[in-house]
C-alpha atoms as a PDB file:
ATOM      1  CA  MET A   1      -0.058  -0.091  -0.595  1.00  0.00           C
ATOM      2  CA  THR A   2       1.430   3.451  -1.116  1.00  0.00           C
ATOM      3  CA  HIS A   3       0.631   6.568   1.273  1.00  0.00           C
ATOM      4  CA  GLU A   4       0.669   9.869  -0.899  1.00  0.00           C
ATOM      5  CA  ILE A   5       2.147  12.760   0.531  1.00  0.00           C
ATOM      6  CA  ARG A   6      -0.340  15.621   0.692  1.00  0.00           C
ATOM      7  CA  THR A   7       1.167  19.331   1.385  1.00  0.00           C
ATOM      8  CA  THR A   8      -1.107  22.198   2.639  1.00  0.00           C
ATOM      9  CA  PRO A   9      -1.848  25.401   0.906  1.00  0.00           C
ATOM     10  CA  ARG A  10      -0.282  27.071   3.562  1.00  0.00           C
ATOM     11  CA  GLU A  11       2.922  24.547   2.788  1.00  0.00           C
ATOM     12  CA  ARG A  12       2.697  25.240  -0.765  1.00  0.00           C
ATOM     13  CA  ARG A  13       3.092  29.117  -0.218  1.00  0.00           C
ATOM     14  CA  ARG A  14       5.703  28.662   2.425  1.00  0.00           C
ATOM     15  CA  ASP A  15       7.763  26.641  -0.148  1.00  0.00           C
ATOM     16  CA  ALA A  16       6.775  29.102  -2.927  1.00  0.00           C
ATOM     17  CA  ASN A  17       8.303  31.905  -0.908  1.00  0.00           C
ATOM     18  CA  LEU A  18      11.173  30.165   0.382  1.00  0.00           C
ATOM     19  CA  GLU A  19      11.937  29.531  -3.409  1.00  0.00           C
ATOM     20  CA  LYS A  20      11.749  33.226  -3.818  1.00  0.00           C
ATOM     21  CA  ILE A  21      14.119  34.020  -1.452  1.00  0.00           C
ATOM     22  CA  LEU A  22      17.204  31.588  -2.330  1.00  0.00           C
ATOM     23  CA  GLU A  23      16.589  32.753  -5.538  1.00  0.00           C
ATOM     24  CA  ALA A  24      17.039  36.871  -4.883  1.00  0.00           C
ATOM     25  CA  ALA A  25      20.041  35.998  -3.084  1.00  0.00           C
ATOM     26  CA  MET A  26      21.663  33.881  -5.586  1.00  0.00           C
ATOM     27  CA  GLY A  27      21.016  36.932  -7.655  1.00  0.00           C
ATOM     28  CA  MET A  28      22.703  39.024  -5.296  1.00  0.00           C
ATOM     29  CA  VAL A  29      25.415  36.386  -5.073  1.00  0.00           C
ATOM     30  CA  ALA A  30      25.566  36.436  -8.947  1.00  0.00           C
ATOM     31  CA  ASP A  31      25.889  40.380  -9.095  1.00  0.00           C
ATOM     32  CA  GLY A  32      28.202  41.410  -6.311  1.00  0.00           C
ATOM     33  CA  GLY A  33      29.607  38.379  -4.584  1.00  0.00           C
ATOM     34  CA  LEU A  34      29.407  37.380  -1.535  1.00  0.00           C
ATOM     35  CA  GLU A  35      29.680  40.597  -0.026  1.00  0.00           C
ATOM     36  CA  ALA A  36      26.876  41.848  -1.504  1.00  0.00           C
ATOM     37  CA  LEU A  37      24.447  39.581   0.156  1.00  0.00           C
ATOM     38  CA  SER A  38      23.190  40.992   3.465  1.00  0.00           C
ATOM     39  CA  MET A  39      19.283  39.954   4.851  1.00  0.00           C
ATOM     40  CA  ASN A  40      18.404  43.994   5.337  1.00  0.00           C
ATOM     41  CA  ARG A  41      18.937  44.205   1.334  1.00  0.00           C
ATOM     42  CA  LEU A  42      17.130  40.380   0.750  1.00  0.00           C
ATOM     43  CA  ALA A  43      14.417  41.306   2.861  1.00  0.00           C
ATOM     44  CA  ALA A  44      13.921  44.719   0.730  1.00  0.00           C
ATOM     45  CA  ALA A  45      14.661  42.557  -2.134  1.00  0.00           C
ATOM     46  CA  VAL A  46      11.726  39.985  -1.620  1.00  0.00           C
ATOM     47  CA  ASP A  47       9.226  42.921  -0.341  1.00  0.00           C
ATOM     48  CA  TYR A  48       9.244  41.384   3.152  1.00  0.00           C
ATOM     49  CA  THR A  49      10.260  42.923   6.270  1.00  0.00           C
ATOM     50  CA  PRO A  50      14.012  41.905   7.786  1.00  0.00           C
ATOM     51  CA  GLY A  51      11.839  39.959  10.721  1.00  0.00           C
ATOM     52  CA  ALA A  52       9.406  38.338   8.789  1.00  0.00           C
ATOM     53  CA  LEU A  53      12.649  36.912   6.309  1.00  0.00           C
ATOM     54  CA  TYR A  54      14.132  35.411   9.703  1.00  0.00           C
ATOM     55  CA  ARG A  55      11.109  33.434   9.695  1.00  0.00           C
ATOM     56  CA  TYR A  56      12.972  31.358   7.479  1.00  0.00           C
ATOM     57  CA  PHE A  57      16.283  31.764   8.372  1.00  0.00           C
ATOM     58  CA  ASP A  58      17.401  32.908  11.424  1.00  0.00           C
ATOM     59  CA  SER A  59      20.667  34.066  10.256  1.00  0.00           C
ATOM     60  CA  LYS A  60      22.734  34.859   7.378  1.00  0.00           C
ATOM     61  CA  ASP A  61      24.990  31.838   7.778  1.00  0.00           C
ATOM     62  CA  ALA A  62      22.082  29.486   7.559  1.00  0.00           C
ATOM     63  CA  LEU A  63      21.284  31.116   4.294  1.00  0.00           C
ATOM     64  CA  LEU A  64      24.234  30.701   2.744  1.00  0.00           C
ATOM     65  CA  SER A  65      24.291  26.955   4.461  1.00  0.00           C
ATOM     66  CA  ARG A  66      21.275  26.662   1.999  1.00  0.00           C
ATOM     67  CA  LEU A  67      22.549  28.507  -0.695  1.00  0.00           C
ATOM     68  CA  VAL A  68      25.222  26.314  -0.998  1.00  0.00           C
ATOM     69  CA  ALA A  69      23.440  22.688   0.157  1.00  0.00           C
ATOM     70  CA  ARG A  70      21.140  23.789  -2.849  1.00  0.00           C
ATOM     71  CA  THR A  71      24.355  24.458  -4.948  1.00  0.00           C
ATOM     72  CA  LEU A  72      25.418  20.709  -4.101  1.00  0.00           C
ATOM     73  CA  GLU A  73      22.223  19.462  -5.328  1.00  0.00           C
ATOM     74  CA  GLU A  74      22.901  20.643  -8.403  1.00  0.00           C
ATOM     75  CA  VAL A  75      26.032  19.476  -8.980  1.00  0.00           C
ATOM     76  CA  ARG A  76      24.689  15.722  -7.801  1.00  0.00           C
ATOM     77  CA  ALA A  77      22.026  16.163 -10.685  1.00  0.00           C
ATOM     78  CA  GLU A  78      24.654  17.292 -12.810  1.00  0.00           C
ATOM     79  CA  LEU A  79      26.744  14.538 -12.739  1.00  0.00           C
ATOM     80  CA  ASP A  80      24.123  11.616 -12.193  1.00  0.00           C
ATOM     81  CA  ARG A  81      22.949  13.193 -15.713  1.00  0.00           C
ATOM     82  CA  ALA A  82      26.650  12.741 -17.349  1.00  0.00           C
ATOM     83  CA  VAL A  83      26.608   9.358 -16.168  1.00  0.00           C
ATOM     84  CA  ALA A  84      23.384   8.177 -17.568  1.00  0.00           C
ATOM     85  CA  ALA A  85      24.437   9.643 -21.086  1.00  0.00           C
ATOM     86  CA  LEU A  86      27.089   7.373 -21.284  1.00  0.00           C
ATOM     87  CA  PRO A  87      26.297   3.800 -22.776  1.00  0.00           C
ATOM     88  CA  ALA A  88      25.144   0.768 -21.046  1.00  0.00           C
ATOM     89  CA  PRO A  89      28.539  -0.640 -21.308  1.00  0.00           C
ATOM     90  CA  ALA A  90      30.660   1.985 -20.641  1.00  0.00           C
ATOM     91  CA  SER A  91      33.721   1.473 -18.402  1.00  0.00           C
ATOM     92  CA  PRO A  92      34.086   2.478 -14.766  1.00  0.00           C
ATOM     93  CA  LEU A  93      36.942   4.451 -16.015  1.00  0.00           C
ATOM     94  CA  ALA A  94      35.241   6.081 -18.588  1.00  0.00           C
ATOM     95  CA  LYS A  95      32.489   6.562 -15.849  1.00  0.00           C
ATOM     96  CA  VAL A  96      34.876   8.558 -14.153  1.00  0.00           C
ATOM     97  CA  PHE A  97      36.074  11.306 -16.932  1.00  0.00           C
ATOM     98  CA  ALA A  98      32.515  11.744 -17.224  1.00  0.00           C
ATOM     99  CA  LEU A  99      31.820  12.774 -14.445  1.00  0.00           C
ATOM    100  CA  VAL A 100      34.940  15.141 -14.605  1.00  0.00           C
ATOM    101  CA  ALA A 101      33.536  16.678 -17.600  1.00  0.00           C
ATOM    102  CA  GLY A 102      30.074  16.766 -15.987  1.00  0.00           C
ATOM    103  CA  TYR A 103      31.452  18.701 -13.449  1.00  0.00           C
ATOM    104  CA  ARG A 104      33.658  21.715 -15.421  1.00  0.00           C
ATOM    105  CA  ALA A 105      30.248  22.029 -17.644  1.00  0.00           C
ATOM    106  CA  TYR A 106      28.469  22.724 -14.522  1.00  0.00           C
ATOM    107  CA  ALA A 107      30.869  25.460 -13.313  1.00  0.00           C
ATOM    108  CA  ARG A 108      31.208  26.802 -16.946  1.00  0.00           C
ATOM    109  CA  ARG A 109      27.157  27.516 -17.090  1.00  0.00           C
ATOM    110  CA  GLU A 110      27.133  27.854 -13.418  1.00  0.00           C
ATOM    111  CA  PRO A 111      30.089  30.303 -12.717  1.00  0.00           C
ATOM    112  CA  HIS A 112      28.292  31.959  -9.997  1.00  0.00           C
ATOM    113  CA  ARG A 113      27.197  29.202  -8.004  1.00  0.00           C
ATOM    114  CA  PHE A 114      30.490  27.257  -8.801  1.00  0.00           C
ATOM    115  CA  GLY A 115      32.205  30.428  -6.969  1.00  0.00           C
ATOM    116  CA  LEU A 116      29.918  29.803  -3.959  1.00  0.00           C
ATOM    117  CA  LEU A 117      31.091  26.728  -3.434  1.00  0.00           C
ATOM    118  CA  ALA A 118      34.973  27.326  -4.491  1.00  0.00           C
ATOM    119  CA  SER A 119      34.734  30.060  -1.179  1.00  0.00           C
ATOM    120  CA  THR A 120      32.801  27.814   0.866  1.00  0.00           C
ATOM    121  CA  MET A 121      36.119  25.227   0.364  1.00  0.00           C
ATOM    122  CA  ALA A 122      38.634  27.821   0.617  1.00  0.00           C
ATOM    123  CA  ALA A 123      37.802  29.518   3.407  1.00  0.00           C
ATOM    124  CA  PRO A 124      35.031  27.152   5.632  1.00  0.00           C
ATOM    125  CA  ARG A 125      35.415  28.813   9.171  1.00  0.00           C
ATOM    126  CA  VAL A 126      34.901  32.032   7.658  1.00  0.00           C
ATOM    127  CA  LEU A 127      31.901  31.476   5.598  1.00  0.00           C
ATOM    128  CA  LEU A 128      30.305  28.962   7.905  1.00  0.00           C
ATOM    129  CA  PRO A 129      31.947  28.922  11.395  1.00  0.00           C
ATOM    130  CA  ALA A 130      28.896  27.847  13.071  1.00  0.00           C
ATOM    131  CA  PRO A 131      29.036  23.597  13.224  1.00  0.00           C
ATOM    132  CA  ARG A 132      25.037  23.830  13.124  1.00  0.00           C
ATOM    133  CA  ASP A 133      25.309  26.102   9.561  1.00  0.00           C
ATOM    134  CA  ALA A 134      28.865  23.702   8.152  1.00  0.00           C
ATOM    135  CA  GLU A 135      27.478  20.334   8.696  1.00  0.00           C
ATOM    136  CA  PRO A 136      24.516  19.977   6.628  1.00  0.00           C
ATOM    137  CA  VAL A 137      26.624  21.100   4.051  1.00  0.00           C
ATOM    138  CA  VAL A 138      29.498  18.418   4.321  1.00  0.00           C
ATOM    139  CA  VAL A 139      26.483  16.092   4.431  1.00  0.00           C
ATOM    140  CA  VAL A 140      25.314  17.235   1.196  1.00  0.00           C
ATOM    141  CA  MET A 141      29.144  17.922  -0.003  1.00  0.00           C
ATOM    142  CA  VAL A 142      29.423  13.889   0.537  1.00  0.00           C
ATOM    143  CA  ALA A 143      26.347  12.730  -1.515  1.00  0.00           C
ATOM    144  CA  ALA A 144      27.033  14.921  -4.038  1.00  0.00           C
ATOM    145  CA  MET A 145      30.571  12.767  -4.676  1.00  0.00           C
ATOM    146  CA  GLN A 146      29.008   9.729  -4.453  1.00  0.00           C
ATOM    147  CA  PRO A 147      28.900   9.410  -8.303  1.00  0.00           C
ATOM    148  CA  LEU A 148      32.867   9.761  -8.342  1.00  0.00           C
ATOM    149  CA  ALA A 149      32.863   7.361  -5.283  1.00  0.00           C
ATOM    150  CA  ASP A 150      30.785   4.794  -7.193  1.00  0.00           C
ATOM    151  CA  ALA A 151      32.933   4.633 -10.302  1.00  0.00           C
ATOM    152  CA  LEU A 152      36.542   4.568  -8.743  1.00  0.00           C
ATOM    153  CA  ALA A 153      34.719   1.541  -6.512  1.00  0.00           C
ATOM    154  CA  ALA A 154      33.646   0.056  -9.646  1.00  0.00           C
ATOM    155  CA  ALA A 155      37.151   0.256 -11.367  1.00  0.00           C
ATOM    156  CA  ALA A 156      38.569  -1.130  -8.402  1.00  0.00           C
ATOM    157  CA  ALA A 157      36.009  -4.166  -8.356  1.00  0.00           C
ATOM    158  CA  ALA A 158      36.664  -4.576 -12.118  1.00  0.00           C
ATOM    159  CA  GLY A 159      40.438  -5.019 -11.679  1.00  0.00           C
ATOM    160  CA  LEU A 160      41.077  -1.544 -13.989  1.00  0.00           C
ATOM    161  CA  ILE A 161      42.631   0.174 -10.939  1.00  0.00           C
ATOM    162  CA  SER A 162      43.994  -1.323  -7.508  1.00  0.00           C
ATOM    163  CA  ALA A 163      42.367  -1.944  -4.419  1.00  0.00           C
ATOM    164  CA  GLY A 164      42.577   1.257  -2.018  1.00  0.00           C
ATOM    165  CA  GLU A 165      40.687   3.722  -0.040  1.00  0.00           C
ATOM    166  CA  VAL A 166      37.471   4.922  -2.214  1.00  0.00           C
ATOM    167  CA  ALA A 167      37.107   8.064  -0.098  1.00  0.00           C
ATOM    168  CA  GLU A 168      40.916   9.125  -0.196  1.00  0.00           C
ATOM    169  CA  ARG A 169      40.868   8.797  -3.829  1.00  0.00           C
ATOM    170  CA  THR A 170      37.308  10.330  -4.361  1.00  0.00           C
ATOM    171  CA  VAL A 171      38.974  13.299  -2.802  1.00  0.00           C
ATOM    172  CA  CYS A 172      42.172  13.216  -4.222  1.00  0.00           C
ATOM    173  CA  VAL A 173      40.239  13.606  -7.799  1.00  0.00           C
ATOM    174  CA  PHE A 174      37.513  16.593  -6.662  1.00  0.00           C
ATOM    175  CA  ALA A 175      40.616  18.314  -5.387  1.00  0.00           C
ATOM    176  CA  LEU A 176      42.693  18.485  -8.589  1.00  0.00           C
ATOM    177  CA  LEU A 177      39.759  18.821 -10.626  1.00  0.00           C
ATOM    178  CA  GLN A 178      38.450  21.756  -8.415  1.00  0.00           C
ATOM    179  CA  GLY A 179      42.000  23.552  -8.317  1.00  0.00           C
ATOM    180  CA  VAL A 180      41.977  23.282 -11.808  1.00  0.00           C
ATOM    181  CA  LEU A 181      39.172  25.056 -12.538  1.00  0.00           C
ATOM    182  CA  LEU A 182      40.234  27.949 -10.047  1.00  0.00           C
ATOM    183  CA  LEU A 183      42.292  28.848 -12.705  1.00  0.00           C
ATOM    184  CA  HIS A 184      40.068  29.693 -15.494  1.00  0.00           C
ATOM    185  CA  LYS A 185      40.605  33.643 -15.200  1.00  0.00           C
ATOM    186  CA  GLN A 186      44.086  33.268 -15.463  1.00  0.00           C
ATOM    187  CA  ALA A 187      43.634  30.861 -18.612  1.00  0.00           C
ATOM    188  CA  ARG A 188      43.449  33.947 -21.048  1.00  0.00           C
ATOM    189  CA  TYR A 189      46.881  35.243 -20.176  1.00  0.00           C
ATOM    190  CA  ALA A 190      48.496  31.652 -20.521  1.00  0.00           C
ATOM    191  CA  PRO A 191      46.333  29.527 -22.640  1.00  0.00           C
ATOM    192  CA  GLY A 192      48.837  27.397 -24.073  1.00  0.00           C
ATOM    193  CA  ILE A 193      49.611  26.135 -20.303  1.00  0.00           C
ATOM    194  CA  LEU A 194      46.530  26.806 -18.219  1.00  0.00           C
ATOM    195  CA  ASP A 195      44.217  24.621 -20.624  1.00  0.00           C
ATOM    196  CA  GLY A 196      41.472  23.609 -18.577  1.00  0.00           C
ATOM    197  CA  ASP A 197      40.033  20.306 -19.849  1.00  0.00           C
ATOM    198  CA  ARG A 198      43.558  19.305 -21.066  1.00  0.00           C
ATOM    199  CA  LEU A 199      44.973  19.486 -17.668  1.00  0.00           C
ATOM    200  CA  SER A 200      41.847  17.870 -15.957  1.00  0.00           C
ATOM    201  CA  ALA A 201      42.644  14.965 -18.430  1.00  0.00           C
ATOM    202  CA  ARG A 202      46.201  14.760 -17.809  1.00  0.00           C
ATOM    203  CA  GLY A 203      45.787  15.001 -14.172  1.00  0.00           C
ATOM    204  CA  ILE A 204      43.400  13.074 -13.215  1.00  0.00           C
ATOM    205  CA  ARG A 205      45.122  10.317 -15.769  1.00  0.00           C
ATOM    206  CA  ALA A 206      47.684  10.540 -13.904  1.00  0.00           C
ATOM    207  CA  LEU A 207      45.996   9.579 -10.514  1.00  0.00           C
ATOM    208  CA  LEU A 208      44.530   6.694 -12.194  1.00  0.00           C
ATOM    209  CA  ILE A 209      47.882   5.075 -13.543  1.00  0.00           C
ATOM    210  CA  GLY A 210      49.088   5.630 -10.471  1.00  0.00           C
ATOM    211  CA  TRP A 211      46.605   3.700  -8.652  1.00  0.00           C
ATOM    212  CA  GLY A 212      47.418   0.986 -11.177  1.00  0.00           C
ATOM    213  CA  ALA A 213      45.301   1.583 -14.549  1.00  0.00           C
ATOM    214  CA  ARG A 214      46.741   0.883 -17.624  1.00  0.00           C
ATOM    215  CA  PRO A 215      47.663   3.944 -19.670  1.00  0.00           C
ATOM    216  CA  ARG A 216      45.906   1.904 -22.666  1.00  0.00           C
ATOM    217  CA  ALA A 217      42.543   1.947 -20.578  1.00  0.00           C
ATOM    218  CA  VAL A 218      42.795   5.409 -19.553  1.00  0.00           C
ATOM    219  CA  ASP A 219      43.742   6.541 -22.964  1.00  0.00           C
ATOM    220  CA  ALA A 220      40.430   4.690 -24.204  1.00  0.00           C
ATOM    221  CA  ALA A 221      38.255   6.235 -21.219  1.00  0.00           C
ATOM    222  CA  ILE A 222      39.388   9.585 -22.332  1.00  0.00           C
ATOM    223  CA  ALA A 223      38.848   9.166 -26.230  1.00  0.00           C
ATOM    224  CA  ARG A 224      35.384   7.712 -25.695  1.00  0.00           C
ATOM    225  CA  VAL A 225      34.081  10.443 -23.263  1.00  0.00           C
ATOM    226  CA  ALA A 226      35.376  13.012 -26.134  1.00  0.00           C
ATOM    227  CA  ARG A 227      34.069  11.746 -28.360  1.00  0.00           C
ATOM    228  CA  LEU A 228      30.680  11.354 -26.722  1.00  0.00           C
ATOM    229  CA  ARG A 229      30.735  15.073 -25.276  1.00  0.00           C
ATOM    230  CA  ASP A 230      31.778  16.400 -29.362  1.00  0.00           C
ATOM    231  CA  ALA A 231      28.394  14.521 -31.019  1.00  0.00           C
ATOM    232  CA  ALA A 232      26.140  16.328 -27.809  1.00  0.00           C
ATOM    233  CA  GLY A 233      27.835  19.131 -28.857  1.00  0.00           C
ATOM    234  CA  ARG A 234      26.852  18.645 -32.495  1.00  0.00           C
ATOM    235  CA  ALA A 235      23.706  17.774 -31.829  1.00  0.00           C
ATOM    236  CA  GLU A 236      22.910  20.729 -29.565  1.00  0.00           C
ATOM    237  CA  GLY A 237      24.384  22.809 -32.250  1.00  0.00           C
ATOM    238  CA  ALA A 238      21.903  21.463 -34.763  1.00  0.00           C
ATOM    239  CA  ALA A 239      18.922  21.405 -32.898  1.00  0.00           C
END
C-alpha cells in the first residue's frame, strides 16, 4: 500500500516563498559577490520585512548554508546526468572522465554558483563558522561526490585500478579538478599552459595510472568521453 504525501496550501506557499528568497539571494551573490548579500537588502528585494525573512532563516550563515547545499544538489544532478548519458556497457574509467566533464560543464554554465562552492571550500571557517550551519553542507557535499566514489569503487572491483581507499581517492580526484577549475580566470593570460580541459584530463590520468590503471585503458576512456561530448555538442548546435 502506498501513501501519497499531501501538502497543505500553507506549506506550498511557504515552499514558494523559500524558493523566491533563495533565488533572490543567489542573484545578489551573482551580481556582487558574497559581500553584496545582506539580510536587510535581501528582505527589501523580496518585499519582506527583515523580521519576516528571519522566519525562514535565523541568520545569514543559515541562508548561506542552504545556498551552498542547494548548489551541491545541482552538482549531484549534473553528475547523475553525465553518467546516464554514457552507453550502458561504459567502463568505470569512462564514468570517471564523464563525471569530470560533467562538473566542468556545470562550473562553466553556473560560474557564480561554482564561485560560491569555491569560497566555501577555501575558507569554510570564515564563511560558515558555526557547526550547525557547516554540517548540513558537509553531508550534501559527500552525497554530491558519491557518483565519483561509485565509479572509482567499480574500477577497483573490475581490476582496472588497484584496491584502495575509495573516499581518499574520491577527494584526490575532486581536489585536483577543483584546483584546475579555479585557474580559469588566469587561462586567458597563458592559454597554452592553463588549458583546463587538458590539465584535468592529464592530471586525473596520472592519478588513475598511479593507482594501477593501464595507460591504454585510461586513454581509451578519455577518447570515448571526448567523442560523446563532441557528438552531444554537434547535436545541440544543430537543434
